[in-house]
């Protein structure tokens, strides 16, 4: 049987679905725009279907494209797996080699993963763990789109195409400077305190924000959110400056609590406990390095 389509054509197809334009797809793959456009046209001609709707300068998947996208991604991933297996290192003596792409949400990627990754790489000098910090939604997207081989997020994974498991436990705390009026009062916060306080919070889409809003559901109709920030350090600086109170992982404020720069404002009525999850794509090749990292993270003390 003669095969007319090429892997390059499939690469262009998948890249265009991500970016919505041939020019951006060409830059990602390292082709000229004309070569990428020709590859896409040839793919549609060989398949005898149109894959995109042309909306001005944008390309949007049509029904045919949506139907064939998963198979194209699978073929590209299987080709990548074939290349990896061909280069599979000799594991004799327990020595691993290779690179692994890991996407982690901010709390995990800032306060947990660097130390764990560093220890792993010291134990296995031939390995490289490439860490990317994202919010929880972006981590899920990275694993779905094959941009990361392993994801670590705050809370549960709700993407049905991915596999996930609980990794370890965590807790959020409401914090303020020790000179804040709510801290000086020395009493747990009531619902009225929560409703009237100025808040400095993580952005929508982060695991921390999702847990906090779930704990408040049915209690507070609307918060006074003064700032939404994408980094824990930025939130802490805003809280230090007296702009409001914050809700962050206890991991992320442990040093400031120990030094007395921040204090916990008790909220006994709120369930701010959560867990971290590990997630991966079941159709993606899982190398010996992937397996070793997963086992190492599972065994790490929590």
C-alpha atoms as a PDB file:
ATOM      1  CA  UNK A   1       0.000   0.000   0.000  1.00  0.00           C
ATOM      2  CA  UNK A   2       1.407   3.370  -1.011  1.00  0.00           C
ATOM      3  CA  UNK A   3       1.272   6.137   1.610  1.00  0.00           C
ATOM      4  CA  UNK A   4       0.922   9.668   0.265  1.00  0.00           C
ATOM      5  CA  UNK A   5       0.841  11.798   3.418  1.00  0.00           C
ATOM      6  CA  UNK A   6       4.028  12.685   5.310  1.00  0.00           C
ATOM      7  CA  UNK A   7       4.876  13.315   8.947  1.00  0.00           C
ATOM      8  CA  UNK A   8       5.836  16.871   8.020  1.00  0.00           C
ATOM      9  CA  UNK A   9       2.322  17.467   6.701  1.00  0.00           C
ATOM     10  CA  UNK A  10       0.872  16.121   9.947  1.00  0.00           C
ATOM     11  CA  UNK A  11       3.225  18.358  11.946  1.00  0.00           C
ATOM     12  CA  UNK A  12       1.986  21.398  10.072  1.00  0.00           C
ATOM     13  CA  UNK A  13      -1.655  20.337  10.530  1.00  0.00           C
ATOM     14  CA  UNK A  14      -1.288  19.917  14.308  1.00  0.00           C
ATOM     15  CA  UNK A  15       0.752  23.124  14.688  1.00  0.00           C
ATOM     16  CA  UNK A  16      -1.856  25.141  12.763  1.00  0.00           C
ATOM     17  CA  UNK A  17      -4.585  23.854  15.094  1.00  0.00           C
ATOM     18  CA  UNK A  18      -2.573  25.203  18.030  1.00  0.00           C
ATOM     19  CA  UNK A  19      -1.809  28.625  16.600  1.00  0.00           C
ATOM     20  CA  UNK A  20      -4.646  29.314  14.171  1.00  0.00           C
ATOM     21  CA  UNK A  21      -2.308  30.442  11.406  1.00  0.00           C
ATOM     22  CA  UNK A  22       0.152  28.941   8.950  1.00  0.00           C
ATOM     23  CA  UNK A  23       2.805  31.588   9.662  1.00  0.00           C
ATOM     24  CA  UNK A  24       2.895  30.820  13.403  1.00  0.00           C
ATOM     25  CA  UNK A  25       2.925  27.073  12.707  1.00  0.00           C
ATOM     26  CA  UNK A  26       5.814  27.544  10.282  1.00  0.00           C
ATOM     27  CA  UNK A  27       7.848  29.414  12.905  1.00  0.00           C
ATOM     28  CA  UNK A  28       7.260  26.634  15.449  1.00  0.00           C
ATOM     29  CA  UNK A  29       8.382  23.884  13.076  1.00  0.00           C
ATOM     30  CA  UNK A  30      11.198  25.833  11.427  1.00  0.00           C
ATOM     31  CA  UNK A  31       9.757  26.037   7.906  1.00  0.00           C
ATOM     32  CA  UNK A  32       9.140  28.925   5.590  1.00  0.00           C
ATOM     33  CA  UNK A  33       5.529  30.071   5.435  1.00  0.00           C
ATOM     34  CA  UNK A  34       5.253  28.965   1.818  1.00  0.00           C
ATOM     35  CA  UNK A  35       6.583  25.483   2.632  1.00  0.00           C
ATOM     36  CA  UNK A  36       4.148  25.097   5.539  1.00  0.00           C
ATOM     37  CA  UNK A  37       1.241  26.321   3.394  1.00  0.00           C
ATOM     38  CA  UNK A  38       2.185  23.876   0.654  1.00  0.00           C
ATOM     39  CA  UNK A  39       2.415  20.991   3.151  1.00  0.00           C
ATOM     40  CA  UNK A  40      -1.057  21.765   4.478  1.00  0.00           C
ATOM     41  CA  UNK A  41      -2.519  22.024   0.974  1.00  0.00           C
ATOM     42  CA  UNK A  42      -0.946  18.713  -0.039  1.00  0.00           C
ATOM     43  CA  UNK A  43      -2.316  17.027   3.075  1.00  0.00           C
ATOM     44  CA  UNK A  44      -5.845  18.219   2.314  1.00  0.00           C
ATOM     45  CA  UNK A  45      -5.423  17.126  -1.303  1.00  0.00           C
ATOM     46  CA  UNK A  46      -4.190  13.639  -0.368  1.00  0.00           C
ATOM     47  CA  UNK A  47      -6.973  13.204   2.196  1.00  0.00           C
ATOM     48  CA  UNK A  48      -9.510  14.744  -0.185  1.00  0.00           C
ATOM     49  CA  UNK A  49     -11.028  16.800   2.608  1.00  0.00           C
ATOM     50  CA  UNK A  50     -10.812  20.383   3.807  1.00  0.00           C
ATOM     51  CA  UNK A  51      -9.536  20.529   7.408  1.00  0.00           C
ATOM     52  CA  UNK A  52     -10.004  24.209   8.265  1.00  0.00           C
ATOM     53  CA  UNK A  53     -12.448  27.023   7.808  1.00  0.00           C
ATOM     54  CA  UNK A  54     -10.673  30.164   6.553  1.00  0.00           C
ATOM     55  CA  UNK A  55     -11.873  33.056   8.737  1.00  0.00           C
ATOM     56  CA  UNK A  56      -9.961  36.033   7.417  1.00  0.00           C
ATOM     57  CA  UNK A  57      -6.362  35.492   8.483  1.00  0.00           C
ATOM     58  CA  UNK A  58      -7.346  32.822  11.013  1.00  0.00           C
ATOM     59  CA  UNK A  59      -7.780  29.115  10.421  1.00  0.00           C
ATOM     60  CA  UNK A  60     -10.324  27.246  12.551  1.00  0.00           C
ATOM     61  CA  UNK A  61     -10.768  23.470  12.561  1.00  0.00           C
ATOM     62  CA  UNK A  62     -13.915  22.282  10.808  1.00  0.00           C
ATOM     63  CA  UNK A  63     -15.686  18.985  11.523  1.00  0.00           C
ATOM     64  CA  UNK A  64     -13.217  17.012   9.383  1.00  0.00           C
ATOM     65  CA  UNK A  65     -10.256  18.556  11.149  1.00  0.00           C
ATOM     66  CA  UNK A  66     -11.684  17.865  14.597  1.00  0.00           C
ATOM     67  CA  UNK A  67     -12.357  14.262  13.614  1.00  0.00           C
ATOM     68  CA  UNK A  68      -8.796  13.678  12.382  1.00  0.00           C
ATOM     69  CA  UNK A  69      -6.807  15.738  14.908  1.00  0.00           C
ATOM     70  CA  UNK A  70      -6.523  13.089  17.620  1.00  0.00           C
ATOM     71  CA  UNK A  71      -5.285  10.485  15.121  1.00  0.00           C
ATOM     72  CA  UNK A  72      -2.699  12.910  13.721  1.00  0.00           C
ATOM     73  CA  UNK A  73      -1.437  13.716  17.238  1.00  0.00           C
ATOM     74  CA  UNK A  74      -1.265  10.012  18.009  1.00  0.00           C
ATOM     75  CA  UNK A  75       0.777   9.263  14.870  1.00  0.00           C
ATOM     76  CA  UNK A  76       3.237  12.045  15.691  1.00  0.00           C
ATOM     77  CA  UNK A  77       3.566  10.849  19.268  1.00  0.00           C
ATOM     78  CA  UNK A  78       4.131   7.261  18.155  1.00  0.00           C
ATOM     79  CA  UNK A  79       6.847   8.477  15.799  1.00  0.00           C
ATOM     80  CA  UNK A  80       8.450  10.377  18.673  1.00  0.00           C
ATOM     81  CA  UNK A  81       8.249   7.229  20.806  1.00  0.00           C
ATOM     82  CA  UNK A  82       9.914   5.246  18.016  1.00  0.00           C
ATOM     83  CA  UNK A  83      12.797   7.721  17.956  1.00  0.00           C
ATOM     84  CA  UNK A  84      13.136   7.545  21.738  1.00  0.00           C
ATOM     85  CA  UNK A  85      13.164   3.755  21.736  1.00  0.00           C
ATOM     86  CA  UNK A  86      15.814   3.735  19.013  1.00  0.00           C
ATOM     87  CA  UNK A  87      17.976   5.946  21.246  1.00  0.00           C
ATOM     88  CA  UNK A  88      17.004   4.177  24.479  1.00  0.00           C
ATOM     89  CA  UNK A  89      20.035   4.294  26.758  1.00  0.00           C
ATOM     90  CA  UNK A  90      21.650   1.253  28.315  1.00  0.00           C
ATOM     91  CA  UNK A  91      20.282   1.043  31.849  1.00  0.00           C
ATOM     92  CA  UNK A  92      23.023  -1.305  32.991  1.00  0.00           C
ATOM     93  CA  UNK A  93      24.173  -0.384  36.486  1.00  0.00           C
ATOM     94  CA  UNK A  94      20.996   1.610  37.129  1.00  0.00           C
ATOM     95  CA  UNK A  95      22.209   4.690  35.214  1.00  0.00           C
ATOM     96  CA  UNK A  96      19.519   6.679  33.408  1.00  0.00           C
ATOM     97  CA  UNK A  97      19.956   9.211  30.623  1.00  0.00           C
ATOM     98  CA  UNK A  98      17.714  11.577  28.783  1.00  0.00           C
ATOM     99  CA  UNK A  99      15.406  14.576  29.270  1.00  0.00           C
ATOM    100  CA  UNK A 100      11.901  14.845  30.697  1.00  0.00           C
ATOM    101  CA  UNK A 101       9.523  17.786  30.339  1.00  0.00           C
ATOM    102  CA  UNK A 102       7.564  18.469  33.543  1.00  0.00           C
ATOM    103  CA  UNK A 103       4.887  21.170  33.901  1.00  0.00           C
ATOM    104  CA  UNK A 104       3.941  22.188  37.431  1.00  0.00           C
ATOM    105  CA  UNK A 105       1.562  24.696  38.947  1.00  0.00           C
ATOM    106  CA  UNK A 106       3.113  27.608  40.816  1.00  0.00           C
ATOM    107  CA  UNK A 107       3.072  26.310  44.394  1.00  0.00           C
ATOM    108  CA  UNK A 108       4.541  22.943  43.447  1.00  0.00           C
ATOM    109  CA  UNK A 109       6.968  24.351  40.901  1.00  0.00           C
ATOM    110  CA  UNK A 110       8.323  26.977  43.287  1.00  0.00           C
ATOM    111  CA  UNK A 111       8.486  25.288  46.689  1.00  0.00           C
ATOM    112  CA  UNK A 112       8.563  21.540  46.063  1.00  0.00           C
ATOM    113  CA  UNK A 113       9.762  20.521  42.631  1.00  0.00           C
ATOM    114  CA  UNK A 114      13.145  22.305  42.332  1.00  0.00           C
ATOM    115  CA  UNK A 115      14.573  20.482  45.350  1.00  0.00           C
ATOM    116  CA  UNK A 116      13.141  17.137  44.312  1.00  0.00           C
ATOM    117  CA  UNK A 117      14.327  17.539  40.720  1.00  0.00           C
ATOM    118  CA  UNK A 118      17.770  18.595  41.878  1.00  0.00           C
ATOM    119  CA  UNK A 119      18.119  15.547  44.118  1.00  0.00           C
ATOM    120  CA  UNK A 120      16.971  13.242  41.331  1.00  0.00           C
ATOM    121  CA  UNK A 121      19.460  14.676  38.842  1.00  0.00           C
ATOM    122  CA  UNK A 122      22.288  14.362  41.376  1.00  0.00           C
ATOM    123  CA  UNK A 123      21.401  10.694  41.796  1.00  0.00           C
ATOM    124  CA  UNK A 124      21.194  10.264  38.002  1.00  0.00           C
ATOM    125  CA  UNK A 125      23.817  12.589  36.449  1.00  0.00           C
ATOM    126  CA  UNK A 126      22.879  11.665  32.886  1.00  0.00           C
ATOM    127  CA  UNK A 127      19.354  13.056  33.217  1.00  0.00           C
ATOM    128  CA  UNK A 128      17.823  16.484  32.714  1.00  0.00           C
ATOM    129  CA  UNK A 129      14.426  17.417  34.171  1.00  0.00           C
ATOM    130  CA  UNK A 130      13.093  20.517  32.411  1.00  0.00           C
ATOM    131  CA  UNK A 131      10.606  22.316  34.668  1.00  0.00           C
ATOM    132  CA  UNK A 132       7.923  24.712  33.431  1.00  0.00           C
ATOM    133  CA  UNK A 133       5.798  26.761  35.841  1.00  0.00           C
ATOM    134  CA  UNK A 134       2.188  27.343  34.807  1.00  0.00           C
ATOM    135  CA  UNK A 135      -1.163  27.736  36.530  1.00  0.00           C
ATOM    136  CA  UNK A 136      -3.234  24.567  36.945  1.00  0.00           C
ATOM    137  CA  UNK A 137      -5.302  25.104  33.788  1.00  0.00           C
ATOM    138  CA  UNK A 138      -2.170  25.656  31.714  1.00  0.00           C
ATOM    139  CA  UNK A 139      -0.487  22.530  33.110  1.00  0.00           C
ATOM    140  CA  UNK A 140      -3.466  20.416  32.051  1.00  0.00           C
ATOM    141  CA  UNK A 141      -3.335  21.985  28.571  1.00  0.00           C
ATOM    142  CA  UNK A 142       0.407  21.318  28.307  1.00  0.00           C
ATOM    143  CA  UNK A 143      -0.056  17.619  29.066  1.00  0.00           C
ATOM    144  CA  UNK A 144      -3.052  17.360  26.729  1.00  0.00           C
ATOM    145  CA  UNK A 145      -1.089  19.009  23.904  1.00  0.00           C
ATOM    146  CA  UNK A 146       2.009  16.805  24.421  1.00  0.00           C
ATOM    147  CA  UNK A 147       4.060  19.830  25.503  1.00  0.00           C
ATOM    148  CA  UNK A 148       4.808  18.156  28.855  1.00  0.00           C
ATOM    149  CA  UNK A 149       5.267  14.484  29.681  1.00  0.00           C
ATOM    150  CA  UNK A 150       4.267  14.806  33.322  1.00  0.00           C
ATOM    151  CA  UNK A 151       2.118  17.387  35.086  1.00  0.00           C
ATOM    152  CA  UNK A 152       1.793  18.318  38.757  1.00  0.00           C
ATOM    153  CA  UNK A 153      -1.223  20.402  39.756  1.00  0.00           C
ATOM    154  CA  UNK A 154      -3.133  21.679  42.766  1.00  0.00           C
ATOM    155  CA  UNK A 155      -6.407  19.801  43.189  1.00  0.00           C
ATOM    156  CA  UNK A 156      -8.020  17.287  40.840  1.00  0.00           C
ATOM    157  CA  UNK A 157      -7.628  16.893  37.105  1.00  0.00           C
ATOM    158  CA  UNK A 158     -10.985  17.063  35.305  1.00  0.00           C
ATOM    159  CA  UNK A 159      -9.700  16.369  31.775  1.00  0.00           C
ATOM    160  CA  UNK A 160     -11.196  12.990  30.777  1.00  0.00           C
ATOM    161  CA  UNK A 161      -8.399  12.257  28.283  1.00  0.00           C
ATOM    162  CA  UNK A 162      -5.716  12.306  31.007  1.00  0.00           C
ATOM    163  CA  UNK A 163      -4.731   9.886  33.756  1.00  0.00           C
ATOM    164  CA  UNK A 164      -4.142  11.305  37.237  1.00  0.00           C
ATOM    165  CA  UNK A 165      -3.497  10.298  40.812  1.00  0.00           C
ATOM    166  CA  UNK A 166      -3.282  12.062  44.166  1.00  0.00           C
ATOM    167  CA  UNK A 167       0.306  12.919  45.036  1.00  0.00           C
ATOM    168  CA  UNK A 168       0.384  14.681  48.436  1.00  0.00           C
ATOM    169  CA  UNK A 169      -1.600  16.934  50.783  1.00  0.00           C
ATOM    170  CA  UNK A 170      -1.483  20.701  51.239  1.00  0.00           C
ATOM    171  CA  UNK A 171      -3.330  23.459  53.111  1.00  0.00           C
ATOM    172  CA  UNK A 172      -4.129  27.086  52.327  1.00  0.00           C
ATOM    173  CA  UNK A 173      -3.939  29.758  55.022  1.00  0.00           C
ATOM    174  CA  UNK A 174      -5.219  33.337  55.199  1.00  0.00           C
ATOM    175  CA  UNK A 175      -2.307  35.642  56.019  1.00  0.00           C
ATOM    176  CA  UNK A 176      -1.717  39.260  56.965  1.00  0.00           C
ATOM    177  CA  UNK A 177       1.073  41.375  58.471  1.00  0.00           C
ATOM    178  CA  UNK A 178       1.124  41.208  62.283  1.00  0.00           C
ATOM    179  CA  UNK A 179       0.137  44.912  62.393  1.00  0.00           C
ATOM    180  CA  UNK A 180      -3.052  44.391  60.353  1.00  0.00           C
ATOM    181  CA  UNK A 181      -6.224  45.268  62.341  1.00  0.00           C
ATOM    182  CA  UNK A 182      -7.617  41.752  61.880  1.00  0.00           C
ATOM    183  CA  UNK A 183      -4.364  40.295  63.222  1.00  0.00           C
ATOM    184  CA  UNK A 184      -4.239  42.689  66.183  1.00  0.00           C
ATOM    185  CA  UNK A 185      -7.789  41.727  67.131  1.00  0.00           C
ATOM    186  CA  UNK A 186      -6.588  38.197  67.876  1.00  0.00           C
ATOM    187  CA  UNK A 187      -9.846  36.427  66.966  1.00  0.00           C
ATOM    188  CA  UNK A 188     -10.847  34.008  64.183  1.00  0.00           C
ATOM    189  CA  UNK A 189     -12.304  35.665  61.116  1.00  0.00           C
ATOM    190  CA  UNK A 190     -16.075  35.574  60.750  1.00  0.00           C
ATOM    191  CA  UNK A 191     -17.975  35.641  57.465  1.00  0.00           C
ATOM    192  CA  UNK A 192     -18.482  39.399  57.818  1.00  0.00           C
ATOM    193  CA  UNK A 193     -14.722  39.870  58.173  1.00  0.00           C
ATOM    194  CA  UNK A 194     -14.152  37.839  55.024  1.00  0.00           C
ATOM    195  CA  UNK A 195     -16.754  39.859  53.105  1.00  0.00           C
ATOM    196  CA  UNK A 196     -15.440  43.302  54.092  1.00  0.00           C
ATOM    197  CA  UNK A 197     -11.676  42.685  53.932  1.00  0.00           C
ATOM    198  CA  UNK A 198      -9.542  43.775  50.978  1.00  0.00           C
ATOM    199  CA  UNK A 199      -8.081  40.683  49.270  1.00  0.00           C
ATOM    200  CA  UNK A 200      -4.952  40.016  47.228  1.00  0.00           C
ATOM    201  CA  UNK A 201      -5.542  36.741  45.385  1.00  0.00           C
ATOM    202  CA  UNK A 202      -4.185  34.468  42.685  1.00  0.00           C
ATOM    203  CA  UNK A 203      -5.677  34.768  39.222  1.00  0.00           C
ATOM    204  CA  UNK A 204      -8.676  32.757  38.004  1.00  0.00           C
ATOM    205  CA  UNK A 205      -7.482  29.417  36.616  1.00  0.00           C
ATOM    206  CA  UNK A 206      -5.021  28.797  39.426  1.00  0.00           C
ATOM    207  CA  UNK A 207      -5.536  25.859  41.775  1.00  0.00           C
ATOM    208  CA  UNK A 208      -5.115  28.103  44.818  1.00  0.00           C
ATOM    209  CA  UNK A 209      -7.923  30.416  43.688  1.00  0.00           C
ATOM    210  CA  UNK A 210     -10.212  27.465  42.914  1.00  0.00           C
ATOM    211  CA  UNK A 211      -9.804  25.944  46.393  1.00  0.00           C
ATOM    212  CA  UNK A 212     -10.361  29.304  48.074  1.00  0.00           C
ATOM    213  CA  UNK A 213     -13.538  30.034  46.110  1.00  0.00           C
ATOM    214  CA  UNK A 214     -14.861  26.535  46.727  1.00  0.00           C
ATOM    215  CA  UNK A 215     -14.368  27.016  50.492  1.00  0.00           C
ATOM    216  CA  UNK A 216     -16.321  30.290  50.358  1.00  0.00           C
ATOM    217  CA  UNK A 217     -19.148  28.941  48.208  1.00  0.00           C
ATOM    218  CA  UNK A 218     -22.531  29.572  49.838  1.00  0.00           C
ATOM    219  CA  UNK A 219     -21.005  31.774  52.544  1.00  0.00           C
ATOM    220  CA  UNK A 220     -19.841  34.964  50.832  1.00  0.00           C
ATOM    221  CA  UNK A 221     -21.664  36.366  47.807  1.00  0.00           C
ATOM    222  CA  UNK A 222     -18.881  38.711  46.672  1.00  0.00           C
ATOM    223  CA  UNK A 223     -15.353  39.413  47.890  1.00  0.00           C
ATOM    224  CA  UNK A 224     -13.573  42.764  47.718  1.00  0.00           C
ATOM    225  CA  UNK A 225     -10.706  41.646  45.493  1.00  0.00           C
ATOM    226  CA  UNK A 226      -8.245  44.510  45.305  1.00  0.00           C
ATOM    227  CA  UNK A 227      -5.637  42.700  43.196  1.00  0.00           C
ATOM    228  CA  UNK A 228      -5.277  39.472  41.227  1.00  0.00           C
ATOM    229  CA  UNK A 229      -1.661  38.438  40.776  1.00  0.00           C
ATOM    230  CA  UNK A 230      -0.079  35.457  39.060  1.00  0.00           C
ATOM    231  CA  UNK A 231       2.854  34.963  41.429  1.00  0.00           C
ATOM    232  CA  UNK A 232       2.990  34.087  45.110  1.00  0.00           C
ATOM    233  CA  UNK A 233       5.873  36.498  45.758  1.00  0.00           C
ATOM    234  CA  UNK A 234       3.927  39.380  44.251  1.00  0.00           C
ATOM    235  CA  UNK A 235       0.957  38.562  46.488  1.00  0.00           C
ATOM    236  CA  UNK A 236       3.194  38.463  49.564  1.00  0.00           C
ATOM    237  CA  UNK A 237       4.732  41.826  48.692  1.00  0.00           C
ATOM    238  CA  UNK A 238       1.273  43.366  48.305  1.00  0.00           C
ATOM    239  CA  UNK A 239       0.227  41.916  51.662  1.00  0.00           C
ATOM    240  CA  UNK A 240       3.438  43.232  53.290  1.00  0.00           C
ATOM    241  CA  UNK A 241       2.580  46.668  51.883  1.00  0.00           C
ATOM    242  CA  UNK A 242      -0.778  46.621  53.663  1.00  0.00           C
ATOM    243  CA  UNK A 243      -2.879  46.483  50.492  1.00  0.00           C
ATOM    244  CA  UNK A 244      -4.968  43.566  51.740  1.00  0.00           C
ATOM    245  CA  UNK A 245      -4.924  40.046  53.126  1.00  0.00           C
ATOM    246  CA  UNK A 246      -4.075  36.972  51.087  1.00  0.00           C
ATOM    247  CA  UNK A 247      -4.792  33.262  50.892  1.00  0.00           C
ATOM    248  CA  UNK A 248      -1.794  31.120  49.958  1.00  0.00           C
ATOM    249  CA  UNK A 249      -0.373  27.658  50.464  1.00  0.00           C
ATOM    250  CA  UNK A 250       1.232  27.198  53.858  1.00  0.00           C
ATOM    251  CA  UNK A 251       4.277  25.954  51.928  1.00  0.00           C
ATOM    252  CA  UNK A 252       4.684  29.317  50.224  1.00  0.00           C
ATOM    253  CA  UNK A 253       4.581  31.399  53.434  1.00  0.00           C
ATOM    254  CA  UNK A 254       6.402  29.056  55.826  1.00  0.00           C
ATOM    255  CA  UNK A 255       9.540  31.219  55.944  1.00  0.00           C
ATOM    256  CA  UNK A 256       7.596  34.457  56.509  1.00  0.00           C
ATOM    257  CA  UNK A 257       5.525  32.860  59.275  1.00  0.00           C
ATOM    258  CA  UNK A 258       8.669  31.561  60.973  1.00  0.00           C
ATOM    259  CA  UNK A 259      10.261  35.046  60.880  1.00  0.00           C
ATOM    260  CA  UNK A 260       7.082  36.721  62.147  1.00  0.00           C
ATOM    261  CA  UNK A 261       6.686  38.814  58.997  1.00  0.00           C
ATOM    262  CA  UNK A 262       3.225  37.320  58.391  1.00  0.00           C
ATOM    263  CA  UNK A 263       0.667  35.715  60.686  1.00  0.00           C
ATOM    264  CA  UNK A 264      -2.155  33.262  60.005  1.00  0.00           C
ATOM    265  CA  UNK A 265      -5.669  34.629  60.459  1.00  0.00           C
ATOM    266  CA  UNK A 266      -7.693  31.614  61.688  1.00  0.00           C
ATOM    267  CA  UNK A 267     -10.707  30.653  59.549  1.00  0.00           C
ATOM    268  CA  UNK A 268     -12.127  27.562  61.292  1.00  0.00           C
ATOM    269  CA  UNK A 269     -15.344  27.704  59.257  1.00  0.00           C
ATOM    270  CA  UNK A 270     -13.478  27.229  55.960  1.00  0.00           C
ATOM    271  CA  UNK A 271     -12.127  23.952  54.577  1.00  0.00           C
ATOM    272  CA  UNK A 272      -8.870  25.061  52.983  1.00  0.00           C
ATOM    273  CA  UNK A 273      -7.248  21.643  52.761  1.00  0.00           C
ATOM    274  CA  UNK A 274      -6.406  20.284  49.325  1.00  0.00           C
ATOM    275  CA  UNK A 275      -4.164  17.797  47.584  1.00  0.00           C
ATOM    276  CA  UNK A 276      -1.693  17.863  44.742  1.00  0.00           C
ATOM    277  CA  UNK A 277      -2.178  15.587  41.733  1.00  0.00           C
ATOM    278  CA  UNK A 278       0.161  13.991  39.217  1.00  0.00           C
ATOM    279  CA  UNK A 279      -1.154  13.652  35.652  1.00  0.00           C
ATOM    280  CA  UNK A 280      -0.058  12.241  32.308  1.00  0.00           C
ATOM    281  CA  UNK A 281      -1.398  11.385  28.863  1.00  0.00           C
ATOM    282  CA  UNK A 282      -2.196   7.637  28.601  1.00  0.00           C
ATOM    283  CA  UNK A 283      -1.375   7.552  24.869  1.00  0.00           C
ATOM    284  CA  UNK A 284       2.088   9.034  25.304  1.00  0.00           C
ATOM    285  CA  UNK A 285       5.173   6.820  25.455  1.00  0.00           C
ATOM    286  CA  UNK A 286       6.432   6.463  29.038  1.00  0.00           C
ATOM    287  CA  UNK A 287      10.170   5.918  28.996  1.00  0.00           C
ATOM    288  CA  UNK A 288      12.267   4.327  31.759  1.00  0.00           C
ATOM    289  CA  UNK A 289      13.211   7.881  32.817  1.00  0.00           C
ATOM    290  CA  UNK A 290       9.511   8.824  33.065  1.00  0.00           C
ATOM    291  CA  UNK A 291       8.847   5.730  35.166  1.00  0.00           C
ATOM    292  CA  UNK A 292      11.825   6.447  37.426  1.00  0.00           C
ATOM    293  CA  UNK A 293      10.768  10.071  38.019  1.00  0.00           C
ATOM    294  CA  UNK A 294       7.188   9.054  38.821  1.00  0.00           C
ATOM    295  CA  UNK A 295       8.341   6.433  41.323  1.00  0.00           C
ATOM    296  CA  UNK A 296      10.779   8.932  42.871  1.00  0.00           C
ATOM    297  CA  UNK A 297       8.074  11.592  43.303  1.00  0.00           C
ATOM    298  CA  UNK A 298       5.654   9.042  44.764  1.00  0.00           C
ATOM    299  CA  UNK A 299       8.264   7.955  47.321  1.00  0.00           C
ATOM    300  CA  UNK A 300       9.364  11.494  48.276  1.00  0.00           C
ATOM    301  CA  UNK A 301       8.373  12.462  51.824  1.00  0.00           C
ATOM    302  CA  UNK A 302       5.291  14.662  51.937  1.00  0.00           C
END
